[in-house]
Amino acid sequence: MAQNFIQSIERAFEIIELLAVEPKGLSVTQLSQKLSLHKTTVHRILQTLLSRGYVQKDPQTLRYKLGVKFVEISSLYLNNIELRTEAHPFLRELVAMLNVTVHLAILDGSDVVYIDKIEQVNSIRLYSSIGKRVPAYCTALGKVMLSKFSDEEVEKILSTISLQQYTNNTITNVEKLIDEIRFARNRGFAVDNEELQEGVRCIAAPIYDYRGEMIAAISISAPTSVLPPHKDEEIAQKVVETAKKISHRLGYVEGKKDYQGKEMQ
């Protein structure tokens, strides 16, 4: 069977796997000898990995070791597994309580990424699925997760993307979006008023981890007939309470301060 391997990537992984079992690190010469690769090739690959934080170089011994980027990636991966496992029973409770579709998501740059979804039987068709990415600016999930940043940071994030008009209600004005995000920051929940999909409204609340950091959010989605604006406050409290239960399961202790020094509820 033909193997469509990219040689440079194969070699990069060989270097990474070898460094993983050499806690004291290895020099370019040692890596070259162990892998039977030319020193120039090894050096070029190491410089690429070094620039992205996947390896680090000891300035005294000139040996290379694995970098902190692997710790970051591993932590994110493990956190998402734990998050989904811990959150799932509470998401089911929320679905049963409100007869809605529930999402669990994380923020990646300017996008929301769904990591879990539970649909009520015979619910309205939603354009969402686990692993799908959607813009943060036109979703309740995105707006509530963007609320962990300052207004200036939000403006900078929004400046890097094109604000597309998905529905008649999509907010594409940066000042109005920042107002929406301020609302989420102050009230502890965010609303999507048919901004991504016609006929569908959403309410989202944030999830915090043991460090007091916002790491994810949950949302409910339903037709406007099920989730009319005049019920937002009442239903939002149920979403917020569920998000708090998940946060507590992840070790969050109420009264911790967020990055701005504001006490989180």
C-alpha atoms as a PDB file:
ATOM      1  CA  MET A   1       0.000   0.000   0.000  1.00  0.00           C
ATOM      2  CA  ALA A   2       1.325   3.421  -0.925  1.00  0.00           C
ATOM      3  CA  GLN A   3       2.122   5.613   2.043  1.00  0.00           C
ATOM      4  CA  ASN A   4       1.561   9.302   1.469  1.00  0.00           C
ATOM      5  CA  PHE A   5       3.836  10.536   4.237  1.00  0.00           C
ATOM      6  CA  ILE A   6       5.371  14.001   4.254  1.00  0.00           C
ATOM      7  CA  GLN A   7       9.006  13.333   5.025  1.00  0.00           C
ATOM      8  CA  SER A   8       9.734  16.583   6.879  1.00  0.00           C
ATOM      9  CA  ILE A   9       6.769  16.048   9.194  1.00  0.00           C
ATOM     10  CA  GLU A  10       7.824  12.450   9.800  1.00  0.00           C
ATOM     11  CA  ARG A  11      11.285  13.636  10.773  1.00  0.00           C
ATOM     12  CA  ALA A  12       9.898  16.343  13.041  1.00  0.00           C
ATOM     13  CA  PHE A  13       7.887  13.740  14.941  1.00  0.00           C
ATOM     14  CA  GLU A  14      10.927  11.474  15.180  1.00  0.00           C
ATOM     15  CA  ILE A  15      12.815  14.345  16.831  1.00  0.00           C
ATOM     16  CA  ILE A  16       9.910  15.112  19.178  1.00  0.00           C
ATOM     17  CA  GLU A  17       9.491  11.469  20.212  1.00  0.00           C
ATOM     18  CA  LEU A  18      13.214  11.106  20.853  1.00  0.00           C
ATOM     19  CA  LEU A  19      13.370  14.277  22.956  1.00  0.00           C
ATOM     20  CA  ALA A  20      10.360  13.036  24.945  1.00  0.00           C
ATOM     21  CA  VAL A  21      12.466  10.194  26.418  1.00  0.00           C
ATOM     22  CA  GLU A  22      15.587  12.300  26.946  1.00  0.00           C
ATOM     23  CA  PRO A  23      14.829  14.617  29.909  1.00  0.00           C
ATOM     24  CA  LYS A  24      18.359  16.093  29.841  1.00  0.00           C
ATOM     25  CA  GLY A  25      17.966  16.987  26.177  1.00  0.00           C
ATOM     26  CA  LEU A  26      20.055  16.250  23.111  1.00  0.00           C
ATOM     27  CA  SER A  27      22.345  18.297  20.918  1.00  0.00           C
ATOM     28  CA  VAL A  28      21.987  18.627  17.164  1.00  0.00           C
ATOM     29  CA  THR A  29      24.899  16.205  16.719  1.00  0.00           C
ATOM     30  CA  GLN A  30      23.338  13.621  19.042  1.00  0.00           C
ATOM     31  CA  LEU A  31      19.985  13.848  17.307  1.00  0.00           C
ATOM     32  CA  SER A  32      21.679  13.586  13.937  1.00  0.00           C
ATOM     33  CA  GLN A  33      23.515  10.426  14.977  1.00  0.00           C
ATOM     34  CA  LYS A  34      20.560   8.743  16.674  1.00  0.00           C
ATOM     35  CA  LEU A  35      18.189   9.396  13.766  1.00  0.00           C
ATOM     36  CA  SER A  36      20.730   9.020  10.950  1.00  0.00           C
ATOM     37  CA  LEU A  37      19.813  12.428   9.627  1.00  0.00           C
ATOM     38  CA  HIS A  38      22.043  15.178   8.288  1.00  0.00           C
ATOM     39  CA  LYS A  39      22.812  17.842  10.907  1.00  0.00           C
ATOM     40  CA  THR A  40      21.525  20.574   8.600  1.00  0.00           C
ATOM     41  CA  THR A  41      18.159  18.818   8.354  1.00  0.00           C
ATOM     42  CA  VAL A  42      17.944  18.351  12.129  1.00  0.00           C
ATOM     43  CA  HIS A  43      18.898  21.966  12.768  1.00  0.00           C
ATOM     44  CA  ARG A  44      16.296  23.293  10.319  1.00  0.00           C
ATOM     45  CA  ILE A  45      13.515  21.245  11.908  1.00  0.00           C
ATOM     46  CA  LEU A  46      14.587  22.242  15.410  1.00  0.00           C
ATOM     47  CA  GLN A  47      14.511  25.932  14.504  1.00  0.00           C
ATOM     48  CA  THR A  48      10.934  25.564  13.277  1.00  0.00           C
ATOM     49  CA  LEU A  49       9.875  23.754  16.452  1.00  0.00           C
ATOM     50  CA  LEU A  50      11.772  26.276  18.561  1.00  0.00           C
ATOM     51  CA  SER A  51      10.003  29.227  16.941  1.00  0.00           C
ATOM     52  CA  ARG A  52       6.618  27.767  17.870  1.00  0.00           C
ATOM     53  CA  GLY A  53       7.553  26.779  21.423  1.00  0.00           C
ATOM     54  CA  TYR A  54       7.538  23.029  20.893  1.00  0.00           C
ATOM     55  CA  VAL A  55      11.204  22.717  21.829  1.00  0.00           C
ATOM     56  CA  GLN A  56      13.515  24.844  23.950  1.00  0.00           C
ATOM     57  CA  LYS A  57      17.284  25.218  23.845  1.00  0.00           C
ATOM     58  CA  ASP A  58      19.531  25.275  26.895  1.00  0.00           C
ATOM     59  CA  PRO A  59      21.923  28.205  26.274  1.00  0.00           C
ATOM     60  CA  GLN A  60      24.675  26.567  28.345  1.00  0.00           C
ATOM     61  CA  THR A  61      24.609  22.956  27.138  1.00  0.00           C
ATOM     62  CA  LEU A  62      23.165  23.786  23.683  1.00  0.00           C
ATOM     63  CA  ARG A  63      20.879  20.800  24.114  1.00  0.00           C
ATOM     64  CA  TYR A  64      17.269  20.775  22.989  1.00  0.00           C
ATOM     65  CA  LYS A  65      14.336  19.668  25.139  1.00  0.00           C
ATOM     66  CA  LEU A  66      10.591  19.582  24.676  1.00  0.00           C
ATOM     67  CA  GLY A  67       8.992  23.005  25.143  1.00  0.00           C
ATOM     68  CA  VAL A  68       6.068  24.243  27.205  1.00  0.00           C
ATOM     69  CA  LYS A  69       3.781  24.278  24.172  1.00  0.00           C
ATOM     70  CA  PHE A  70       3.240  20.557  24.656  1.00  0.00           C
ATOM     71  CA  VAL A  71       2.089  21.220  28.213  1.00  0.00           C
ATOM     72  CA  GLU A  72      -0.364  23.840  26.984  1.00  0.00           C
ATOM     73  CA  ILE A  73      -1.818  21.580  24.297  1.00  0.00           C
ATOM     74  CA  SER A  74      -2.030  18.584  26.626  1.00  0.00           C
ATOM     75  CA  SER A  75      -3.754  20.687  29.276  1.00  0.00           C
ATOM     76  CA  LEU A  76      -6.323  21.974  26.791  1.00  0.00           C
ATOM     77  CA  TYR A  77      -7.003  18.455  25.535  1.00  0.00           C
ATOM     78  CA  LEU A  78      -7.369  16.988  29.030  1.00  0.00           C
ATOM     79  CA  ASN A  79      -9.448  19.932  30.249  1.00  0.00           C
ATOM     80  CA  ASN A  80     -11.889  19.523  27.363  1.00  0.00           C
ATOM     81  CA  ILE A  81     -12.291  15.812  28.089  1.00  0.00           C
ATOM     82  CA  GLU A  82     -12.903  16.510  31.786  1.00  0.00           C
ATOM     83  CA  LEU A  83     -15.177  19.449  30.999  1.00  0.00           C
ATOM     84  CA  ARG A  84     -17.404  17.452  28.670  1.00  0.00           C
ATOM     85  CA  THR A  85     -17.571  14.489  31.063  1.00  0.00           C
ATOM     86  CA  GLU A  86     -18.457  16.637  34.058  1.00  0.00           C
ATOM     87  CA  ALA A  87     -20.898  18.869  32.184  1.00  0.00           C
ATOM     88  CA  HIS A  88     -22.894  16.233  30.310  1.00  0.00           C
ATOM     89  CA  PRO A  89     -25.286  15.173  33.128  1.00  0.00           C
ATOM     90  CA  PHE A  90     -26.113  18.815  33.875  1.00  0.00           C
ATOM     91  CA  LEU A  91     -26.766  19.490  30.193  1.00  0.00           C
ATOM     92  CA  ARG A  92     -29.254  16.619  30.166  1.00  0.00           C
ATOM     93  CA  GLU A  93     -31.002  18.074  33.202  1.00  0.00           C
ATOM     94  CA  LEU A  94     -31.303  21.432  31.456  1.00  0.00           C
ATOM     95  CA  VAL A  95     -32.744  19.832  28.308  1.00  0.00           C
ATOM     96  CA  ALA A  96     -35.349  17.972  30.374  1.00  0.00           C
ATOM     97  CA  MET A  97     -36.179  21.077  32.437  1.00  0.00           C
ATOM     98  CA  LEU A  98     -36.646  23.520  29.563  1.00  0.00           C
ATOM     99  CA  ASN A  99     -37.372  21.304  26.555  1.00  0.00           C
ATOM    100  CA  VAL A 100     -34.635  22.999  24.491  1.00  0.00           C
ATOM    101  CA  THR A 101     -31.391  22.159  22.713  1.00  0.00           C
ATOM    102  CA  VAL A 102     -28.286  22.665  24.843  1.00  0.00           C
ATOM    103  CA  HIS A 103     -24.717  23.338  23.705  1.00  0.00           C
ATOM    104  CA  LEU A 104     -21.361  23.267  25.467  1.00  0.00           C
ATOM    105  CA  ALA A 105     -18.623  25.243  23.742  1.00  0.00           C
ATOM    106  CA  ILE A 106     -15.183  26.774  24.062  1.00  0.00           C
ATOM    107  CA  LEU A 107     -13.741  29.935  22.524  1.00  0.00           C
ATOM    108  CA  ASP A 108     -10.928  29.607  19.986  1.00  0.00           C
ATOM    109  CA  GLY A 109      -9.779  33.018  18.846  1.00  0.00           C
ATOM    110  CA  SER A 110     -12.834  34.712  17.346  1.00  0.00           C
ATOM    111  CA  ASP A 111     -14.765  31.444  16.926  1.00  0.00           C
ATOM    112  CA  VAL A 112     -16.986  29.305  19.107  1.00  0.00           C
ATOM    113  CA  VAL A 113     -16.306  25.562  18.895  1.00  0.00           C
ATOM    114  CA  TYR A 114     -19.079  23.191  20.006  1.00  0.00           C
ATOM    115  CA  ILE A 115     -17.769  20.309  22.129  1.00  0.00           C
ATOM    116  CA  ASP A 116     -21.116  18.841  23.183  1.00  0.00           C
ATOM    117  CA  LYS A 117     -24.736  19.106  22.091  1.00  0.00           C
ATOM    118  CA  ILE A 118     -27.944  17.541  23.377  1.00  0.00           C
ATOM    119  CA  GLU A 119     -31.113  17.976  21.349  1.00  0.00           C
ATOM    120  CA  GLN A 120     -34.658  17.683  22.546  1.00  0.00           C
ATOM    121  CA  VAL A 121     -36.668  15.162  20.521  1.00  0.00           C
ATOM    122  CA  ASN A 122     -38.538  16.814  17.642  1.00  0.00           C
ATOM    123  CA  SER A 123     -36.681  20.079  18.210  1.00  0.00           C
ATOM    124  CA  ILE A 124     -36.175  22.695  15.527  1.00  0.00           C
ATOM    125  CA  ARG A 125     -33.349  21.919  13.120  1.00  0.00           C
ATOM    126  CA  LEU A 126     -30.187  23.766  14.206  1.00  0.00           C
ATOM    127  CA  TYR A 127     -27.099  24.252  12.099  1.00  0.00           C
ATOM    128  CA  SER A 128     -24.789  23.032  14.837  1.00  0.00           C
ATOM    129  CA  SER A 129     -22.799  19.874  15.491  1.00  0.00           C
ATOM    130  CA  ILE A 130     -19.985  18.816  17.779  1.00  0.00           C
ATOM    131  CA  GLY A 131     -16.706  20.177  16.434  1.00  0.00           C
ATOM    132  CA  LYS A 132     -18.361  22.862  14.313  1.00  0.00           C
ATOM    133  CA  ARG A 133     -17.042  26.422  14.475  1.00  0.00           C
ATOM    134  CA  VAL A 134     -19.246  29.498  14.333  1.00  0.00           C
ATOM    135  CA  PRO A 135     -18.408  33.197  14.742  1.00  0.00           C
ATOM    136  CA  ALA A 136     -18.422  34.369  18.354  1.00  0.00           C
ATOM    137  CA  TYR A 137     -19.880  37.821  17.630  1.00  0.00           C
ATOM    138  CA  CYS A 138     -23.320  36.548  16.571  1.00  0.00           C
ATOM    139  CA  THR A 139     -23.854  33.839  19.178  1.00  0.00           C
ATOM    140  CA  ALA A 140     -24.803  33.985  22.838  1.00  0.00           C
ATOM    141  CA  LEU A 141     -21.989  31.540  23.599  1.00  0.00           C
ATOM    142  CA  GLY A 142     -19.454  33.749  21.873  1.00  0.00           C
ATOM    143  CA  LYS A 143     -20.628  36.984  23.438  1.00  0.00           C
ATOM    144  CA  VAL A 144     -20.563  35.590  26.961  1.00  0.00           C
ATOM    145  CA  MET A 145     -17.071  34.125  26.467  1.00  0.00           C
ATOM    146  CA  LEU A 146     -15.786  37.345  24.916  1.00  0.00           C
ATOM    147  CA  SER A 147     -16.942  39.106  28.072  1.00  0.00           C
ATOM    148  CA  LYS A 148     -13.852  37.827  29.906  1.00  0.00           C
ATOM    149  CA  PHE A 149     -11.811  40.314  27.865  1.00  0.00           C
ATOM    150  CA  SER A 150     -11.666  44.090  28.264  1.00  0.00           C
ATOM    151  CA  ASP A 151     -13.506  46.315  25.769  1.00  0.00           C
ATOM    152  CA  GLU A 152     -10.182  47.131  24.116  1.00  0.00           C
ATOM    153  CA  GLU A 153      -9.294  43.454  23.741  1.00  0.00           C
ATOM    154  CA  VAL A 154     -12.721  42.670  22.300  1.00  0.00           C
ATOM    155  CA  GLU A 155     -12.382  45.495  19.797  1.00  0.00           C
ATOM    156  CA  LYS A 156      -8.993  44.137  18.740  1.00  0.00           C
ATOM    157  CA  ILE A 157     -10.422  40.631  18.239  1.00  0.00           C
ATOM    158  CA  LEU A 158     -13.341  41.961  16.195  1.00  0.00           C
ATOM    159  CA  SER A 159     -10.999  44.032  14.041  1.00  0.00           C
ATOM    160  CA  THR A 160      -9.355  40.847  12.735  1.00  0.00           C
ATOM    161  CA  ILE A 161     -12.540  39.394  11.217  1.00  0.00           C
ATOM    162  CA  SER A 162     -15.254  40.294   8.734  1.00  0.00           C
ATOM    163  CA  LEU A 163     -18.602  40.855  10.478  1.00  0.00           C
ATOM    164  CA  GLN A 164     -20.953  38.994   8.160  1.00  0.00           C
ATOM    165  CA  GLN A 165     -24.715  39.595   8.137  1.00  0.00           C
ATOM    166  CA  TYR A 166     -26.296  36.151   8.718  1.00  0.00           C
ATOM    167  CA  THR A 167     -29.831  37.401   9.449  1.00  0.00           C
ATOM    168  CA  ASN A 168     -31.652  40.694   9.662  1.00  0.00           C
ATOM    169  CA  ASN A 169     -30.802  40.730  13.380  1.00  0.00           C
ATOM    170  CA  THR A 170     -27.062  40.097  13.090  1.00  0.00           C
ATOM    171  CA  ILE A 171     -25.161  42.908  14.770  1.00  0.00           C
ATOM    172  CA  THR A 172     -22.272  44.063  12.594  1.00  0.00           C
ATOM    173  CA  ASN A 173     -21.608  47.379  14.308  1.00  0.00           C
ATOM    174  CA  VAL A 174     -18.597  47.052  16.630  1.00  0.00           C
ATOM    175  CA  GLU A 175     -19.888  49.565  19.201  1.00  0.00           C
ATOM    176  CA  LYS A 176     -23.217  47.732  19.485  1.00  0.00           C
ATOM    177  CA  LEU A 177     -21.412  44.412  19.820  1.00  0.00           C
ATOM    178  CA  ILE A 178     -19.265  45.766  22.622  1.00  0.00           C
ATOM    179  CA  ASP A 179     -22.460  46.964  24.340  1.00  0.00           C
ATOM    180  CA  GLU A 180     -23.836  43.431  24.066  1.00  0.00           C
ATOM    181  CA  ILE A 181     -20.641  41.997  25.537  1.00  0.00           C
ATOM    182  CA  ARG A 182     -20.720  44.554  28.372  1.00  0.00           C
ATOM    183  CA  PHE A 183     -24.258  43.379  29.092  1.00  0.00           C
ATOM    184  CA  ALA A 184     -22.998  39.805  29.332  1.00  0.00           C
ATOM    185  CA  ARG A 185     -20.120  40.876  31.582  1.00  0.00           C
ATOM    186  CA  ASN A 186     -22.466  42.722  33.954  1.00  0.00           C
ATOM    187  CA  ARG A 187     -25.406  40.312  33.995  1.00  0.00           C
ATOM    188  CA  GLY A 188     -23.609  36.981  33.765  1.00  0.00           C
ATOM    189  CA  PHE A 189     -25.397  35.801  30.635  1.00  0.00           C
ATOM    190  CA  ALA A 190     -25.699  36.701  26.953  1.00  0.00           C
ATOM    191  CA  VAL A 191     -28.508  36.544  24.420  1.00  0.00           C
ATOM    192  CA  ASP A 192     -28.570  35.736  20.709  1.00  0.00           C
ATOM    193  CA  ASN A 193     -31.759  37.254  19.298  1.00  0.00           C
ATOM    194  CA  GLU A 194     -32.000  35.408  15.960  1.00  0.00           C
ATOM    195  CA  GLU A 195     -28.534  36.710  15.067  1.00  0.00           C
ATOM    196  CA  LEU A 196     -27.096  33.512  13.580  1.00  0.00           C
ATOM    197  CA  GLN A 197     -30.220  31.657  12.511  1.00  0.00           C
ATOM    198  CA  GLU A 198     -33.674  33.016  11.704  1.00  0.00           C
ATOM    199  CA  GLY A 199     -36.338  31.951  14.181  1.00  0.00           C
ATOM    200  CA  VAL A 200     -33.888  30.754  16.836  1.00  0.00           C
ATOM    201  CA  ARG A 201     -32.962  32.534  20.052  1.00  0.00           C
ATOM    202  CA  CYS A 202     -30.259  31.506  22.534  1.00  0.00           C
ATOM    203  CA  ILE A 203     -29.155  32.296  26.068  1.00  0.00           C
ATOM    204  CA  ALA A 204     -25.637  31.434  27.308  1.00  0.00           C
ATOM    205  CA  ALA A 205     -23.782  31.497  30.629  1.00  0.00           C
ATOM    206  CA  PRO A 206     -20.073  31.061  31.422  1.00  0.00           C
ATOM    207  CA  ILE A 207     -18.220  28.149  33.040  1.00  0.00           C
ATOM    208  CA  TYR A 208     -15.203  28.719  35.306  1.00  0.00           C
ATOM    209  CA  ASP A 209     -12.483  26.290  36.359  1.00  0.00           C
ATOM    210  CA  TYR A 210     -10.666  25.797  39.663  1.00  0.00           C
ATOM    211  CA  ARG A 211      -8.435  28.800  38.897  1.00  0.00           C
ATOM    212  CA  GLY A 212     -11.433  31.074  38.526  1.00  0.00           C
ATOM    213  CA  GLU A 213     -10.833  31.385  34.790  1.00  0.00           C
ATOM    214  CA  MET A 214     -13.661  31.326  32.260  1.00  0.00           C
ATOM    215  CA  ILE A 215     -12.938  28.287  30.095  1.00  0.00           C
ATOM    216  CA  ALA A 216     -16.244  27.543  28.353  1.00  0.00           C
ATOM    217  CA  ALA A 217     -19.950  28.305  28.236  1.00  0.00           C
ATOM    218  CA  ILE A 218     -23.287  26.558  27.921  1.00  0.00           C
ATOM    219  CA  SER A 219     -26.290  27.772  25.983  1.00  0.00           C
ATOM    220  CA  ILE A 220     -29.888  26.891  25.325  1.00  0.00           C
ATOM    221  CA  SER A 221     -31.376  27.282  21.851  1.00  0.00           C
ATOM    222  CA  ALA A 222     -35.058  27.273  20.959  1.00  0.00           C
ATOM    223  CA  PRO A 223     -37.605  28.765  18.564  1.00  0.00           C
ATOM    224  CA  THR A 224     -38.719  32.290  19.385  1.00  0.00           C
ATOM    225  CA  SER A 225     -42.136  30.887  20.401  1.00  0.00           C
ATOM    226  CA  VAL A 226     -40.480  28.819  23.150  1.00  0.00           C
ATOM    227  CA  LEU A 227     -37.907  31.456  24.131  1.00  0.00           C
ATOM    228  CA  PRO A 228     -39.548  34.891  23.727  1.00  0.00           C
ATOM    229  CA  PRO A 229     -37.659  37.987  24.921  1.00  0.00           C
ATOM    230  CA  HIS A 230     -39.963  38.585  27.899  1.00  0.00           C
ATOM    231  CA  LYS A 231     -38.840  35.262  29.392  1.00  0.00           C
ATOM    232  CA  ASP A 232     -35.113  35.928  29.056  1.00  0.00           C
ATOM    233  CA  GLU A 233     -34.486  36.867  32.700  1.00  0.00           C
ATOM    234  CA  GLU A 234     -36.465  33.941  34.091  1.00  0.00           C
ATOM    235  CA  ILE A 235     -34.883  31.330  31.821  1.00  0.00           C
ATOM    236  CA  ALA A 236     -31.394  32.853  32.006  1.00  0.00           C
ATOM    237  CA  GLN A 237     -31.320  32.182  35.747  1.00  0.00           C
ATOM    238  CA  LYS A 238     -31.767  28.457  35.080  1.00  0.00           C
ATOM    239  CA  VAL A 239     -28.935  28.518  32.528  1.00  0.00           C
ATOM    240  CA  VAL A 240     -26.703  30.456  34.933  1.00  0.00           C
ATOM    241  CA  GLU A 241     -27.447  28.048  37.779  1.00  0.00           C
ATOM    242  CA  THR A 242     -26.566  25.070  35.588  1.00  0.00           C
ATOM    243  CA  ALA A 243     -23.322  26.741  34.519  1.00  0.00           C
ATOM    244  CA  LYS A 244     -22.499  27.329  38.201  1.00  0.00           C
ATOM    245  CA  LYS A 245     -23.069  23.653  39.011  1.00  0.00           C
ATOM    246  CA  ILE A 246     -20.657  22.643  36.259  1.00  0.00           C
ATOM    247  CA  SER A 247     -18.121  25.235  37.444  1.00  0.00           C
ATOM    248  CA  HIS A 248     -18.299  23.850  40.971  1.00  0.00           C
ATOM    249  CA  ARG A 249     -17.717  20.333  39.641  1.00  0.00           C
ATOM    250  CA  LEU A 250     -14.541  21.667  38.026  1.00  0.00           C
ATOM    251  CA  GLY A 251     -13.334  23.028  41.365  1.00  0.00           C
ATOM    252  CA  TYR A 252     -14.476  26.629  41.039  1.00  0.00           C
ATOM    253  CA  VAL A 253     -14.916  28.369  44.390  1.00  0.00           C
ATOM    254  CA  GLU A 254     -17.309  31.332  44.508  1.00  0.00           C
ATOM    255  CA  GLY A 255     -15.759  34.596  45.558  1.00  0.00           C
ATOM    256  CA  LYS A 256     -12.601  34.217  43.466  1.00  0.00           C
ATOM    257  CA  LYS A 257     -11.563  37.238  41.461  1.00  0.00           C
ATOM    258  CA  ASP A 258     -11.416  37.346  37.700  1.00  0.00           C
ATOM    259  CA  TYR A 259      -8.510  38.899  35.798  1.00  0.00           C
ATOM    260  CA  GLN A 260      -9.970  42.371  36.247  1.00  0.00           C
ATOM    261  CA  GLY A 261     -10.219  41.952  40.008  1.00  0.00           C
ATOM    262  CA  LYS A 262     -13.997  41.730  39.869  1.00  0.00           C
ATOM    263  CA  GLU A 263     -15.664  39.215  42.151  1.00  0.00           C
ATOM    264  CA  MET A 264     -17.405  36.534  40.106  1.00  0.00           C
ATOM    265  CA  GLN A 265     -20.835  35.300  41.087  1.00  0.00           C
END
